[in-house]
Each structure stands twice: as structure tokens, then as C-alpha cells.
Amino acid sequence: MLALALKDGQTVRISPDETPDPATPAGELFRDGAIEVTVVRHESGRVWLAFRAPREPLILRTRLPWRGG
């Protein structure tokens, strides 16, 4: 399990690998199981997330600003 603490505007990116093929069917991406994300805690503009996933997906914390809408 991976646990991250994020501040406002931080992003988590989940991808099959570093260079995903956009033509890959969703069923193929999740053939080894689903990705589970749990909010562990939140306070003062921070959120703590826990990720449970098969070994294959790449889960990265990015430094891109949030562009909510």
C-alpha cells in the first residue's frame, strides 16, 4: 500500500506505465484488479490518501497545479 499526503493543488497520476498507449482497452488496464483509493485523513488544506493496487500501475505524485472546474 502506498500512502501520500497532498496539499491543495497537488495531483496524483495513475497510469499503466510511463508511456501509456491510448488505444489500450480499459479491461486490459485493469486485468490484474482494481485500484482502491482511500481518504485516510483531511485537515488544514491537506488530504492523506492510501492506494491499494496491483504491482503494474504506475502511481505518481505530480507537481501540476489543479485546474478544477
N, C-alpha and C. Protein backbone atom coordinates (compact mmCIF):
# COMPACT_ATOMS: atom_id res chain seq x y z
N MET A 1 0.84 -1.17 0.00
CA MET A 1 0.00 0.00 0.00
C MET A 1 0.89 1.24 0.00
N LEU A 2 0.50 2.21 -0.80
CA LEU A 2 1.20 3.50 -0.88
C LEU A 2 0.35 4.53 -0.17
N ALA A 3 0.96 5.35 0.69
CA ALA A 3 0.23 6.42 1.37
C ALA A 3 0.90 7.75 1.03
N LEU A 4 0.09 8.75 0.66
CA LEU A 4 0.60 10.07 0.30
C LEU A 4 -0.17 11.14 1.06
N ALA A 5 0.53 12.22 1.42
CA ALA A 5 -0.12 13.42 1.96
C ALA A 5 -0.03 14.48 0.88
N LEU A 6 -1.16 15.05 0.50
CA LEU A 6 -1.21 16.03 -0.57
C LEU A 6 -1.72 17.36 -0.06
N LYS A 7 -1.17 18.44 -0.62
CA LYS A 7 -1.64 19.79 -0.32
C LYS A 7 -2.61 20.21 -1.41
N ASP A 8 -3.35 21.29 -1.17
CA ASP A 8 -4.24 21.84 -2.18
C ASP A 8 -3.49 22.03 -3.49
N GLY A 9 -4.09 21.60 -4.59
CA GLY A 9 -3.50 21.79 -5.91
C GLY A 9 -2.57 20.68 -6.36
N GLN A 10 -2.13 19.79 -5.48
CA GLN A 10 -1.29 18.68 -5.90
C GLN A 10 -2.14 17.59 -6.54
N THR A 11 -1.52 16.80 -7.39
CA THR A 11 -2.23 15.80 -8.19
C THR A 11 -1.56 14.45 -8.04
N VAL A 12 -2.36 13.40 -8.16
CA VAL A 12 -1.85 12.04 -8.23
C VAL A 12 -2.21 11.52 -9.62
N ARG A 13 -1.23 10.93 -10.30
CA ARG A 13 -1.45 10.37 -11.64
C ARG A 13 -1.30 8.87 -11.57
N ILE A 14 -2.30 8.14 -12.07
CA ILE A 14 -2.27 6.68 -12.11
C ILE A 14 -2.25 6.28 -13.57
N SER A 15 -1.23 5.52 -13.95
CA SER A 15 -1.04 5.15 -15.35
C SER A 15 -0.51 3.72 -15.43
N PRO A 16 -0.79 3.01 -16.54
CA PRO A 16 -0.28 1.64 -16.65
C PRO A 16 1.25 1.60 -16.69
N ASP A 17 1.88 2.63 -17.23
CA ASP A 17 3.34 2.75 -17.25
C ASP A 17 3.68 4.18 -17.62
N GLU A 18 4.96 4.46 -17.88
CA GLU A 18 5.37 5.84 -18.16
C GLU A 18 4.90 6.34 -19.52
N THR A 19 4.67 5.46 -20.47
CA THR A 19 4.24 5.86 -21.81
C THR A 19 3.03 5.04 -22.22
N PRO A 20 1.85 5.33 -21.65
CA PRO A 20 0.67 4.52 -21.95
C PRO A 20 0.19 4.69 -23.38
N ASP A 21 -0.31 3.62 -23.97
CA ASP A 21 -0.89 3.64 -25.31
C ASP A 21 -2.37 3.97 -25.16
N PRO A 22 -2.83 5.10 -25.71
CA PRO A 22 -4.23 5.48 -25.54
C PRO A 22 -5.21 4.50 -26.17
N ALA A 23 -4.74 3.61 -27.03
CA ALA A 23 -5.62 2.62 -27.67
C ALA A 23 -5.84 1.38 -26.80
N THR A 24 -5.16 1.28 -25.66
CA THR A 24 -5.31 0.12 -24.79
C THR A 24 -6.71 0.11 -24.17
N PRO A 25 -7.47 -1.00 -24.32
CA PRO A 25 -8.81 -1.09 -23.73
C PRO A 25 -8.76 -1.04 -22.20
N ALA A 26 -9.77 -0.45 -21.58
CA ALA A 26 -9.83 -0.33 -20.12
C ALA A 26 -9.76 -1.69 -19.44
N GLY A 27 -10.40 -2.70 -20.03
CA GLY A 27 -10.36 -4.04 -19.46
C GLY A 27 -8.95 -4.59 -19.36
N GLU A 28 -8.12 -4.25 -20.31
CA GLU A 28 -6.72 -4.69 -20.29
C GLU A 28 -5.95 -3.96 -19.18
N LEU A 29 -6.25 -2.68 -18.98
CA LEU A 29 -5.55 -1.90 -17.96
C LEU A 29 -5.81 -2.44 -16.56
N PHE A 30 -7.02 -2.99 -16.33
CA PHE A 30 -7.39 -3.46 -15.01
C PHE A 30 -7.49 -4.98 -14.93
N ARG A 31 -6.78 -5.68 -15.80
CA ARG A 31 -6.85 -7.14 -15.83
C ARG A 31 -6.37 -7.77 -14.52
N ASP A 32 -5.47 -7.10 -13.80
CA ASP A 32 -4.94 -7.65 -12.54
C ASP A 32 -5.71 -7.16 -11.32
N GLY A 33 -6.76 -6.38 -11.52
CA GLY A 33 -7.56 -5.91 -10.40
C GLY A 33 -7.73 -4.41 -10.40
N ALA A 34 -8.64 -3.96 -9.56
CA ALA A 34 -8.97 -2.54 -9.46
C ALA A 34 -7.94 -1.80 -8.62
N ILE A 35 -7.97 -0.49 -8.73
CA ILE A 35 -7.17 0.39 -7.89
C ILE A 35 -8.11 0.98 -6.85
N GLU A 36 -7.75 0.84 -5.59
CA GLU A 36 -8.58 1.35 -4.50
C GLU A 36 -7.89 2.55 -3.86
N VAL A 37 -8.60 3.66 -3.75
CA VAL A 37 -8.07 4.88 -3.13
C VAL A 37 -8.93 5.20 -1.92
N THR A 38 -8.28 5.36 -0.76
CA THR A 38 -8.99 5.64 0.48
C THR A 38 -8.51 6.97 1.05
N VAL A 39 -9.44 7.85 1.42
CA VAL A 39 -9.08 9.07 2.14
C VAL A 39 -8.86 8.67 3.59
N VAL A 40 -7.63 8.80 4.05
CA VAL A 40 -7.27 8.38 5.40
C VAL A 40 -7.55 9.51 6.39
N ARG A 41 -7.29 10.75 5.95
CA ARG A 41 -7.45 11.90 6.84
C ARG A 41 -7.48 13.17 6.01
N HIS A 42 -8.11 14.21 6.50
CA HIS A 42 -8.03 15.51 5.85
C HIS A 42 -8.13 16.61 6.90
N GLU A 43 -7.29 17.62 6.75
CA GLU A 43 -7.32 18.76 7.66
C GLU A 43 -6.42 19.86 7.12
N SER A 44 -6.76 21.08 7.40
CA SER A 44 -5.93 22.26 7.08
C SER A 44 -5.42 22.26 5.64
N GLY A 45 -6.27 21.96 4.67
CA GLY A 45 -5.85 22.01 3.27
C GLY A 45 -5.00 20.84 2.83
N ARG A 46 -4.94 19.79 3.60
CA ARG A 46 -4.19 18.59 3.23
C ARG A 46 -5.12 17.39 3.26
N VAL A 47 -4.80 16.42 2.42
CA VAL A 47 -5.54 15.16 2.43
C VAL A 47 -4.52 14.02 2.40
N TRP A 48 -4.78 12.99 3.16
CA TRP A 48 -3.93 11.81 3.18
C TRP A 48 -4.68 10.70 2.45
N LEU A 49 -4.05 10.16 1.42
CA LEU A 49 -4.66 9.11 0.60
C LEU A 49 -3.85 7.84 0.72
N ALA A 50 -4.54 6.71 0.71
CA ALA A 50 -3.89 5.40 0.68
C ALA A 50 -4.34 4.70 -0.59
N PHE A 51 -3.39 4.10 -1.32
CA PHE A 51 -3.66 3.42 -2.58
C PHE A 51 -3.36 1.94 -2.43
N ARG A 52 -4.29 1.11 -2.85
CA ARG A 52 -4.08 -0.33 -2.92
C ARG A 52 -4.29 -0.71 -4.38
N ALA A 53 -3.24 -1.28 -4.98
CA ALA A 53 -3.30 -1.58 -6.42
C ALA A 53 -2.40 -2.76 -6.74
N PRO A 54 -2.65 -3.41 -7.89
CA PRO A 54 -1.71 -4.43 -8.35
C PRO A 54 -0.34 -3.79 -8.58
N ARG A 55 0.68 -4.59 -8.78
CA ARG A 55 2.04 -4.07 -8.95
C ARG A 55 2.22 -3.25 -10.22
N GLU A 56 1.46 -3.53 -11.24
CA GLU A 56 1.68 -2.91 -12.55
C GLU A 56 1.43 -1.41 -12.65
N PRO A 57 0.32 -0.85 -12.16
CA PRO A 57 0.10 0.57 -12.43
C PRO A 57 1.19 1.44 -11.81
N LEU A 58 1.50 2.51 -12.50
CA LEU A 58 2.45 3.50 -12.02
C LEU A 58 1.64 4.58 -11.31
N ILE A 59 1.92 4.82 -10.03
CA ILE A 59 1.21 5.84 -9.26
C ILE A 59 2.22 6.90 -8.87
N LEU A 60 2.01 8.12 -9.38
CA LEU A 60 2.96 9.21 -9.17
C LEU A 60 2.28 10.41 -8.56
N ARG A 61 3.00 11.09 -7.68
CA ARG A 61 2.54 12.39 -7.20
C ARG A 61 3.15 13.40 -8.16
N THR A 62 2.31 14.25 -8.76
CA THR A 62 2.82 15.26 -9.69
C THR A 62 2.79 16.62 -9.01
N ARG A 63 3.45 17.56 -9.61
CA ARG A 63 3.50 18.92 -9.07
C ARG A 63 2.72 19.89 -9.94
N LEU A 64 1.76 19.37 -10.71
CA LEU A 64 0.96 20.21 -11.58
C LEU A 64 -0.13 20.92 -10.78
N PRO A 65 -0.41 22.18 -11.09
CA PRO A 65 -1.49 22.87 -10.39
C PRO A 65 -2.84 22.29 -10.76
N TRP A 66 -3.75 22.27 -9.82
CA TRP A 66 -5.10 21.77 -10.07
C TRP A 66 -5.85 22.78 -10.92
N ARG A 67 -6.57 22.29 -11.92
CA ARG A 67 -7.32 23.18 -12.81
C ARG A 67 -8.81 22.87 -12.70
N GLY A 68 -9.27 22.73 -11.48
CA GLY A 68 -10.66 22.33 -11.22
C GLY A 68 -11.69 23.08 -12.04
N GLY A 69 -12.85 22.45 -12.15
CA GLY A 69 -13.87 23.11 -12.94
C GLY A 69 -15.23 22.59 -12.61
